[in-house]
C-alpha atoms as a PDB file:
ATOM      1  CA  MET A   1      66.218  54.702  32.045  1.00  0.00           C
ATOM      2  CA  SER A   2      68.324  54.536  35.148  1.00  0.00           C
ATOM      3  CA  SER A   3      68.662  50.969  36.725  1.00  0.00           C
ATOM      4  CA  GLY A   4      67.914  52.795  40.147  1.00  0.00           C
ATOM      5  CA  GLU A   5      64.256  53.760  39.084  1.00  0.00           C
ATOM      6  CA  LEU A   6      61.370  51.671  40.470  1.00  0.00           C
ATOM      7  CA  LEU A   7      58.732  52.427  37.845  1.00  0.00           C
ATOM      8  CA  VAL A   8      59.163  54.188  34.353  1.00  0.00           C
ATOM      9  CA  LEU A   9      56.517  55.420  32.180  1.00  0.00           C
ATOM     10  CA  GLU A  10      57.367  56.210  28.658  1.00  0.00           C
ATOM     11  CA  GLN A  11      55.208  58.054  25.992  1.00  0.00           C
ATOM     12  CA  VAL A  12      52.243  56.374  27.618  1.00  0.00           C
ATOM     13  CA  GLN A  13      48.748  57.234  26.412  1.00  0.00           C
ATOM     14  CA  LEU A  14      45.253  56.303  28.128  1.00  0.00           C
ATOM     15  CA  ARG A  15      41.945  56.244  26.635  1.00  0.00           C
ATOM     16  CA  ARG A  16      38.420  55.733  28.149  1.00  0.00           C
ATOM     17  CA  GLY A  17      36.694  54.517  25.263  1.00  0.00           C
ATOM     18  CA  THR A  18      36.939  57.443  22.606  1.00  0.00           C
ATOM     19  CA  ARG A  19      38.108  59.799  24.927  1.00  0.00           C
ATOM     20  CA  LEU A  20      41.791  60.704  25.349  1.00  0.00           C
ATOM     21  CA  LEU A  21      42.911  61.204  28.949  1.00  0.00           C
ATOM     22  CA  CYS A  22      46.416  61.483  28.622  1.00  0.00           C
ATOM     23  CA  LYS A  23      49.143  61.307  26.065  1.00  0.00           C
ATOM     24  CA  GLY A  24      52.804  61.251  25.921  1.00  0.00           C
ATOM     25  CA  LEU A  25      53.272  60.767  29.573  1.00  0.00           C
ATOM     26  CA  GLU A  26      56.831  60.500  30.720  1.00  0.00           C
ATOM     27  CA  LEU A  27      57.415  59.596  34.362  1.00  0.00           C
ATOM     28  CA  ALA A  28      60.181  58.122  36.387  1.00  0.00           C
ATOM     29  CA  ILE A  29      59.514  56.925  40.071  1.00  0.00           C
ATOM     30  CA  SER A  30      62.567  56.418  42.276  1.00  0.00           C
ATOM     31  CA  PRO A  31      63.330  54.863  45.417  1.00  0.00           C
ATOM     32  CA  GLY A  32      62.481  57.512  48.334  1.00  0.00           C
ATOM     33  CA  GLU A  33      59.880  59.479  46.355  1.00  0.00           C
ATOM     34  CA  CYS A  34      56.337  60.252  47.315  1.00  0.00           C
ATOM     35  CA  TRP A  35      54.403  61.075  43.974  1.00  0.00           C
ATOM     36  CA  GLY A  36      51.014  62.800  44.328  1.00  0.00           C
ATOM     37  CA  ILE A  37      48.557  62.489  41.280  1.00  0.00           C
ATOM     38  CA  LEU A  38      45.915  65.112  41.223  1.00  0.00           C
ATOM     39  CA  GLY A  39      43.221  66.320  38.744  1.00  0.00           C
ATOM     40  CA  PRO A  40      39.221  66.756  38.530  1.00  0.00           C
ATOM     41  CA  ASN A  41      36.797  63.885  38.310  1.00  0.00           C
ATOM     42  CA  GLY A  42      37.163  61.545  35.687  1.00  0.00           C
ATOM     43  CA  ALA A  43      40.575  62.885  34.604  1.00  0.00           C
ATOM     44  CA  GLY A  44      41.957  59.479  34.559  1.00  0.00           C
ATOM     45  CA  LYS A  45      43.600  59.143  37.984  1.00  0.00           C
ATOM     46  CA  SER A  46      42.414  55.739  39.003  1.00  0.00           C
ATOM     47  CA  THR A  47      42.903  54.648  35.410  1.00  0.00           C
ATOM     48  CA  LEU A  48      46.513  55.650  35.416  1.00  0.00           C
ATOM     49  CA  LEU A  49      46.974  53.987  38.690  1.00  0.00           C
ATOM     50  CA  GLN A  50      45.635  50.602  37.586  1.00  0.00           C
ATOM     51  CA  ALA A  51      47.967  50.881  34.451  1.00  0.00           C
ATOM     52  CA  MET A  52      50.974  51.430  36.486  1.00  0.00           C
ATOM     53  CA  ALA A  53      49.898  48.216  38.382  1.00  0.00           C
ATOM     54  CA  GLY A  54      49.558  46.250  35.169  1.00  0.00           C
ATOM     55  CA  LEU A  55      45.906  45.972  35.624  1.00  0.00           C
ATOM     56  CA  GLU A  56      44.623  48.366  32.795  1.00  0.00           C
ATOM     57  CA  PRO A  57      46.031  48.231  29.196  1.00  0.00           C
ATOM     58  CA  VAL A  58      47.819  51.441  27.805  1.00  0.00           C
ATOM     59  CA  ALA A  59      46.631  52.892  24.401  1.00  0.00           C
ATOM     60  CA  ALA A  60      50.477  53.356  23.501  1.00  0.00           C
ATOM     61  CA  GLY A  61      53.864  53.725  25.260  1.00  0.00           C
ATOM     62  CA  ARG A  62      55.489  51.295  27.873  1.00  0.00           C
ATOM     63  CA  ILE A  63      55.578  50.854  31.433  1.00  0.00           C
ATOM     64  CA  PHE A  64      58.751  49.381  33.311  1.00  0.00           C
ATOM     65  CA  PHE A  65      59.074  48.078  36.758  1.00  0.00           C
ATOM     66  CA  ASP A  66      62.686  47.681  37.977  1.00  0.00           C
ATOM     67  CA  GLY A  67      63.897  47.798  34.562  1.00  0.00           C
ATOM     68  CA  ARG A  68      61.513  45.100  33.007  1.00  0.00           C
ATOM     69  CA  GLU A  69      58.175  45.662  31.134  1.00  0.00           C
ATOM     70  CA  LEU A  70      55.224  44.932  33.386  1.00  0.00           C
ATOM     71  CA  ALA A  71      54.043  42.253  31.117  1.00  0.00           C
ATOM     72  CA  GLU A  72      57.290  40.305  31.659  1.00  0.00           C
ATOM     73  CA  TRP A  73      56.441  40.011  35.434  1.00  0.00           C
ATOM     74  CA  GLN A  74      54.825  37.129  36.767  1.00  0.00           C
ATOM     75  CA  ARG A  75      51.870  38.340  38.508  1.00  0.00           C
ATOM     76  CA  ARG A  76      52.696  36.547  41.990  1.00  0.00           C
ATOM     77  CA  THR A  77      56.249  38.009  41.714  1.00  0.00           C
ATOM     78  CA  LEU A  78      55.096  41.397  40.979  1.00  0.00           C
ATOM     79  CA  ALA A  79      52.645  41.315  43.937  1.00  0.00           C
ATOM     80  CA  ARG A  80      55.581  41.009  46.288  1.00  0.00           C
ATOM     81  CA  GLU A  81      57.041  44.041  44.813  1.00  0.00           C
ATOM     82  CA  LEU A  82      54.027  46.216  43.961  1.00  0.00           C
ATOM     83  CA  GLY A  83      51.319  46.951  46.323  1.00  0.00           C
ATOM     84  CA  LEU A  84      47.850  48.622  45.630  1.00  0.00           C
ATOM     85  CA  LEU A  85      45.108  50.306  47.737  1.00  0.00           C
ATOM     86  CA  PHE A  86      41.929  50.926  45.569  1.00  0.00           C
ATOM     87  CA  GLN A  87      38.543  52.119  46.480  1.00  0.00           C
ATOM     88  CA  LEU A  88      37.025  49.674  49.054  1.00  0.00           C
ATOM     89  CA  ASP A  89      35.069  46.535  47.619  1.00  0.00           C
ATOM     90  CA  GLU A  90      32.799  45.742  50.394  1.00  0.00           C
ATOM     91  CA  GLU A  91      31.309  42.682  48.638  1.00  0.00           C
ATOM     92  CA  ASN A  92      34.794  40.867  49.017  1.00  0.00           C
ATOM     93  CA  LEU A  93      35.162  41.677  52.602  1.00  0.00           C
ATOM     94  CA  THR A  94      34.908  38.584  54.455  1.00  0.00           C
ATOM     95  CA  SER A  95      36.354  36.797  57.789  1.00  0.00           C
ATOM     96  CA  THR A  96      37.632  39.059  60.364  1.00  0.00           C
ATOM     97  CA  LEU A  97      39.528  42.278  60.117  1.00  0.00           C
ATOM     98  CA  PHE A  98      42.879  40.617  61.345  1.00  0.00           C
ATOM     99  CA  GLU A  99      42.499  37.864  58.555  1.00  0.00           C
ATOM    100  CA  THR A 100      42.025  40.633  56.007  1.00  0.00           C
ATOM    101  CA  VAL A 101      45.037  42.122  57.067  1.00  0.00           C
ATOM    102  CA  LEU A 102      46.710  38.964  57.049  1.00  0.00           C
ATOM    103  CA  GLY A 103      45.702  38.509  53.539  1.00  0.00           C
ATOM    104  CA  GLY A 104      48.346  41.206  52.618  1.00  0.00           C
ATOM    105  CA  ARG A 105      50.893  38.399  53.359  1.00  0.00           C
ATOM    106  CA  HIS A 106      49.554  36.040  50.780  1.00  0.00           C
ATOM    107  CA  PRO A 107      52.279  37.024  48.045  1.00  0.00           C
ATOM    108  CA  HIS A 108      54.972  35.928  50.394  1.00  0.00           C
ATOM    109  CA  LEU A 109      53.719  32.556  51.387  1.00  0.00           C
ATOM    110  CA  GLY A 110      55.582  29.441  50.398  1.00  0.00           C
ATOM    111  CA  THR A 111      54.842  26.636  48.478  1.00  0.00           C
ATOM    112  CA  PHE A 112      51.957  25.392  50.658  1.00  0.00           C
ATOM    113  CA  GLY A 113      50.611  28.589  51.372  1.00  0.00           C
ATOM    114  CA  TRP A 114      50.476  28.580  55.110  1.00  0.00           C
ATOM    115  CA  GLU A 115      51.349  31.699  57.208  1.00  0.00           C
ATOM    116  CA  THR A 116      54.284  31.536  59.250  1.00  0.00           C
ATOM    117  CA  ALA A 117      54.693  32.970  62.951  1.00  0.00           C
ATOM    118  CA  ARG A 118      56.538  35.657  60.963  1.00  0.00           C
ATOM    119  CA  ASP A 119      53.869  36.393  58.762  1.00  0.00           C
ATOM    120  CA  LEU A 120      51.122  36.605  61.894  1.00  0.00           C
ATOM    121  CA  GLU A 121      53.529  38.827  63.767  1.00  0.00           C
ATOM    122  CA  ILE A 122      53.830  41.309  60.656  1.00  0.00           C
ATOM    123  CA  ALA A 123      50.168  41.255  60.395  1.00  0.00           C
ATOM    124  CA  ARG A 124      49.500  42.140  64.084  1.00  0.00           C
ATOM    125  CA  GLU A 125      51.966  44.688  64.050  1.00  0.00           C
ATOM    126  CA  ALA A 126      50.267  46.600  60.703  1.00  0.00           C
ATOM    127  CA  VAL A 127      46.743  46.231  62.859  1.00  0.00           C
ATOM    128  CA  ARG A 128      48.628  47.866  65.864  1.00  0.00           C
ATOM    129  CA  MET A 129      50.106  50.669  63.557  1.00  0.00           C
ATOM    130  CA  VAL A 130      46.724  51.881  62.314  1.00  0.00           C
ATOM    131  CA  GLY A 131      45.209  51.756  65.800  1.00  0.00           C
ATOM    132  CA  LEU A 132      42.632  48.749  65.262  1.00  0.00           C
ATOM    133  CA  GLU A 133      43.881  46.102  67.909  1.00  0.00           C
ATOM    134  CA  ALA A 134      40.607  46.155  69.874  1.00  0.00           C
ATOM    135  CA  LEU A 135      38.604  45.301  66.574  1.00  0.00           C
ATOM    136  CA  ALA A 136      40.960  42.724  65.119  1.00  0.00           C
ATOM    137  CA  GLY A 137      38.209  39.946  65.741  1.00  0.00           C
ATOM    138  CA  ARG A 138      35.630  41.821  64.268  1.00  0.00           C
ATOM    139  CA  SER A 139      33.778  41.262  60.775  1.00  0.00           C
ATOM    140  CA  PRO A 140      34.695  44.036  58.404  1.00  0.00           C
ATOM    141  CA  HIS A 141      31.030  44.666  57.614  1.00  0.00           C
ATOM    142  CA  THR A 142      30.481  45.986  61.227  1.00  0.00           C
ATOM    143  CA  LEU A 143      33.268  48.572  60.673  1.00  0.00           C
ATOM    144  CA  SER A 144      32.822  52.301  60.033  1.00  0.00           C
ATOM    145  CA  GLY A 145      33.897  53.470  56.702  1.00  0.00           C
ATOM    146  CA  GLY A 146      37.019  54.769  58.196  1.00  0.00           C
ATOM    147  CA  GLU A 147      37.946  51.762  60.330  1.00  0.00           C
ATOM    148  CA  ARG A 148      37.508  49.699  56.905  1.00  0.00           C
ATOM    149  CA  GLN A 149      39.884  52.040  54.999  1.00  0.00           C
ATOM    150  CA  ARG A 150      42.497  51.881  58.093  1.00  0.00           C
ATOM    151  CA  MET A 151      42.095  47.928  57.638  1.00  0.00           C
ATOM    152  CA  GLU A 152      43.134  48.263  54.001  1.00  0.00           C
ATOM    153  CA  ILE A 153      46.171  50.335  54.777  1.00  0.00           C
ATOM    154  CA  ALA A 154      47.166  47.841  57.467  1.00  0.00           C
ATOM    155  CA  ALA A 155      46.831  45.130  54.653  1.00  0.00           C
ATOM    156  CA  LEU A 156      49.303  47.147  52.437  1.00  0.00           C
ATOM    157  CA  LEU A 157      51.641  47.610  55.330  1.00  0.00           C
ATOM    158  CA  ALA A 158      51.644  43.819  55.853  1.00  0.00           C
ATOM    159  CA  GLN A 159      52.395  43.189  52.232  1.00  0.00           C
ATOM    160  CA  SER A 160      55.335  45.647  52.478  1.00  0.00           C
ATOM    161  CA  PRO A 161      55.824  46.098  48.748  1.00  0.00           C
ATOM    162  CA  ARG A 162      58.522  48.101  47.228  1.00  0.00           C
ATOM    163  CA  LEU A 163      56.267  50.448  45.330  1.00  0.00           C
ATOM    164  CA  ALA A 164      52.938  51.364  46.840  1.00  0.00           C
ATOM    165  CA  LEU A 165      49.989  52.608  44.772  1.00  0.00           C
ATOM    166  CA  LEU A 166      47.489  54.408  46.748  1.00  0.00           C
ATOM    167  CA  ASP A 167      43.886  55.500  45.304  1.00  0.00           C
ATOM    168  CA  GLU A 168      42.536  58.156  47.763  1.00  0.00           C
ATOM    169  CA  PRO A 169      43.710  56.647  50.775  1.00  0.00           C
ATOM    170  CA  THR A 170      42.193  59.586  53.028  1.00  0.00           C
ATOM    171  CA  ASN A 171      38.840  58.417  51.968  1.00  0.00           C
ATOM    172  CA  HIS A 172      36.222  58.214  55.136  1.00  0.00           C
ATOM    173  CA  LEU A 173      38.958  59.356  57.336  1.00  0.00           C
ATOM    174  CA  ASP A 174      38.468  62.437  59.543  1.00  0.00           C
ATOM    175  CA  PRO A 175      41.082  65.177  59.126  1.00  0.00           C
ATOM    176  CA  GLY A 176      43.200  63.837  62.229  1.00  0.00           C
ATOM    177  CA  GLN A 177      43.349  60.329  60.719  1.00  0.00           C
ATOM    178  CA  GLN A 178      44.203  61.630  57.200  1.00  0.00           C
ATOM    179  CA  VAL A 179      47.311  63.191  58.392  1.00  0.00           C
ATOM    180  CA  ALA A 180      48.101  60.360  60.951  1.00  0.00           C
ATOM    181  CA  MET A 181      47.613  57.505  57.913  1.00  0.00           C
ATOM    182  CA  LEU A 182      49.704  59.678  55.536  1.00  0.00           C
ATOM    183  CA  LYS A 183      52.427  60.136  57.927  1.00  0.00           C
ATOM    184  CA  LEU A 184      52.458  56.352  58.528  1.00  0.00           C
ATOM    185  CA  LEU A 185      52.377  55.487  54.888  1.00  0.00           C
ATOM    186  CA  LYS A 186      55.148  57.980  54.014  1.00  0.00           C
ATOM    187  CA  GLN A 187      57.274  56.810  56.897  1.00  0.00           C
ATOM    188  CA  ARG A 188      56.757  53.215  55.710  1.00  0.00           C
ATOM    189  CA  PHE A 189      57.230  53.728  51.830  1.00  0.00           C
ATOM    190  CA  THR A 190      59.913  56.376  51.329  1.00  0.00           C
ATOM    191  CA  SER A 191      62.450  54.408  53.177  1.00  0.00           C
ATOM    192  CA  GLN A 192      64.499  51.432  52.573  1.00  0.00           C
ATOM    193  CA  GLY A 193      64.471  51.622  48.718  1.00  0.00           C
ATOM    194  CA  ARG A 194      60.616  52.127  48.508  1.00  0.00           C
ATOM    195  CA  ALA A 195      58.438  54.676  46.979  1.00  0.00           C
ATOM    196  CA  MET A 196      54.792  55.692  46.909  1.00  0.00           C
ATOM    197  CA  VAL A 197      52.267  57.077  44.611  1.00  0.00           C
ATOM    198  CA  VAL A 198      49.134  58.371  45.968  1.00  0.00           C
ATOM    199  CA  VAL A 199      45.909  59.884  44.273  1.00  0.00           C
ATOM    200  CA  LEU A 200      44.698  62.760  46.418  1.00  0.00           C
ATOM    201  CA  HIS A 201      41.925  65.469  46.192  1.00  0.00           C
ATOM    202  CA  ASP A 202      42.989  67.723  48.735  1.00  0.00           C
ATOM    203  CA  LEU A 203      45.494  70.158  47.582  1.00  0.00           C
ATOM    204  CA  ASN A 204      47.084  71.063  50.903  1.00  0.00           C
ATOM    205  CA  LEU A 205      47.625  67.405  51.659  1.00  0.00           C
ATOM    206  CA  ALA A 206      49.409  66.895  48.448  1.00  0.00           C
ATOM    207  CA  LEU A 207      51.726  69.798  49.198  1.00  0.00           C
ATOM    208  CA  ALA A 208      52.290  68.527  52.732  1.00  0.00           C
ATOM    209  CA  PHE A 209      53.142  65.041  51.935  1.00  0.00           C
ATOM    210  CA  CYS A 210      54.475  64.722  48.195  1.00  0.00           C
ATOM    211  CA  GLU A 211      57.711  66.145  47.117  1.00  0.00           C
ATOM    212  CA  ARG A 212      56.434  65.632  43.260  1.00  0.00           C
ATOM    213  CA  LEU A 213      53.244  66.037  41.591  1.00  0.00           C
ATOM    214  CA  LEU A 214      51.564  64.855  38.622  1.00  0.00           C
ATOM    215  CA  LEU A 215      48.719  66.853  37.189  1.00  0.00           C
ATOM    216  CA  LEU A 216      46.250  65.201  34.862  1.00  0.00           C
ATOM    217  CA  ARG A 217      43.774  67.483  33.300  1.00  0.00           C
ATOM    218  CA  GLY A 218      41.658  64.674  31.446  1.00  0.00           C
ATOM    219  CA  ASP A 219      41.969  66.104  28.024  1.00  0.00           C
ATOM    220  CA  GLY A 220      45.378  64.481  27.343  1.00  0.00           C
ATOM    221  CA  ASN A 221      47.507  67.230  28.713  1.00  0.00           C
ATOM    222  CA  TRP A 222      49.580  66.577  31.710  1.00  0.00           C
ATOM    223  CA  ARG A 223      52.224  68.341  33.885  1.00  0.00           C
ATOM    224  CA  ALA A 224      54.929  66.859  36.331  1.00  0.00           C
ATOM    225  CA  GLY A 225      57.711  67.985  38.612  1.00  0.00           C
ATOM    226  CA  SER A 226      58.750  69.081  41.847  1.00  0.00           C
ATOM    227  CA  ARG A 227      56.205  70.424  44.382  1.00  0.00           C
ATOM    228  CA  GLN A 228      57.876  73.853  44.244  1.00  0.00           C
ATOM    229  CA  LYS A 229      57.370  73.818  40.365  1.00  0.00           C
ATOM    230  CA  THR A 230      54.077  72.268  39.979  1.00  0.00           C
ATOM    231  CA  GLY A 231      52.040  72.827  43.352  1.00  0.00           C
ATOM    232  CA  THR A 232      51.632  76.422  42.611  1.00  0.00           C
ATOM    233  CA  PRO A 233      48.258  78.204  42.383  1.00  0.00           C
ATOM    234  CA  GLU A 234      48.843  79.008  38.602  1.00  0.00           C
ATOM    235  CA  GLN A 235      49.291  75.363  37.873  1.00  0.00           C
ATOM    236  CA  PHE A 236      46.294  74.382  39.983  1.00  0.00           C
ATOM    237  CA  SER A 237      44.299  76.957  38.418  1.00  0.00           C
ATOM    238  CA  TRP A 238      45.205  75.444  34.966  1.00  0.00           C
ATOM    239  CA  LEU A 239      44.328  71.994  36.346  1.00  0.00           C
ATOM    240  CA  TYR A 240      40.899  72.493  37.708  1.00  0.00           C
ATOM    241  CA  ARG A 241      40.070  75.352  35.466  1.00  0.00           C
ATOM    242  CA  HIS A 242      39.109  77.449  38.433  1.00  0.00           C
ATOM    243  CA  PRO A 243      41.219  80.266  40.175  1.00  0.00           C
ATOM    244  CA  VAL A 244      43.202  78.918  42.993  1.00  0.00           C
ATOM    245  CA  ARG A 245      45.265  81.360  45.433  1.00  0.00           C
ATOM    246  CA  ARG A 246      47.340  80.972  48.489  1.00  0.00           C
ATOM    247  CA  CYS A 247      45.539  81.266  51.892  1.00  0.00           C
ATOM    248  CA  SER A 248      47.996  84.314  52.772  1.00  0.00           C
ATOM    249  CA  GLU A 249      51.444  85.565  52.229  1.00  0.00           C
ATOM    250  CA  LEU A 250      52.532  83.750  55.639  1.00  0.00           C
ATOM    251  CA  GLU A 251      51.130  80.500  54.645  1.00  0.00           C
ATOM    252  CA  GLU A 252      52.954  79.279  51.498  1.00  0.00           C
ATOM    253  CA  GLU A 253      51.828  75.859  51.508  1.00  0.00           C
ATOM    254  CA  CYS A 254      48.095  76.550  52.159  1.00  0.00           C
ATOM    255  CA  LEU A 255      45.866  77.076  49.162  1.00  0.00           C
ATOM    256  CA  SER A 256      42.070  77.576  48.350  1.00  0.00           C
ATOM    257  CA  PHE A 257      39.739  77.753  45.686  1.00  0.00           C
ATOM    258  CA  LEU A 258      38.217  81.441  45.045  1.00  0.00           C
END
């Protein structure tokens, strides 16, 4: 294991009940990388993301962050280094949009837990980057699904971890916002020693934004590698058990289902 790698999975096995989701998974995520996780519904993509965050136990194998096993990290310390964006839990949305985004700074607060002027500045900038300044005082319950998703993205930006784990961050976003938010996330989390792992369903977004791909089929089998090696019609046809082809000879990065 290289000392420069942020997250390393060694011979990881995941199960859901008696069902084997993946076995012998070997993965190394380095600073500057954007990894995409793809697979059919129920293949274990979200479960794997939670295991990477130390929130889901693995059936076998080990997961390391910055050279130490996840279990060795104190949760508060790990929260400053590793950020999560999971599916929205609307029941836990309270206060205002800005206060929700400011919550991303909580792992960084000092002994007395008070936000500094710098924390407020970082949260305001995160709200601005996702284009929600005009809604900062609104209750999350009054927002559209897309606005709430951008709010959650802003909270992750405010947290500013070294590794961002994102579970379908394009949910509820229109096509233009999908591209804009992925551009923003990639700009932030593939620079200055950071990396990101993103679960996506859209093959073309994965090809456009992810240099490396992990394909989970949900039957224990997986494939991982560069976009050039793993992001091919043949590999996606294997993954989804359905033929996939290129849109045309001139559009090599565009794929569609037959």
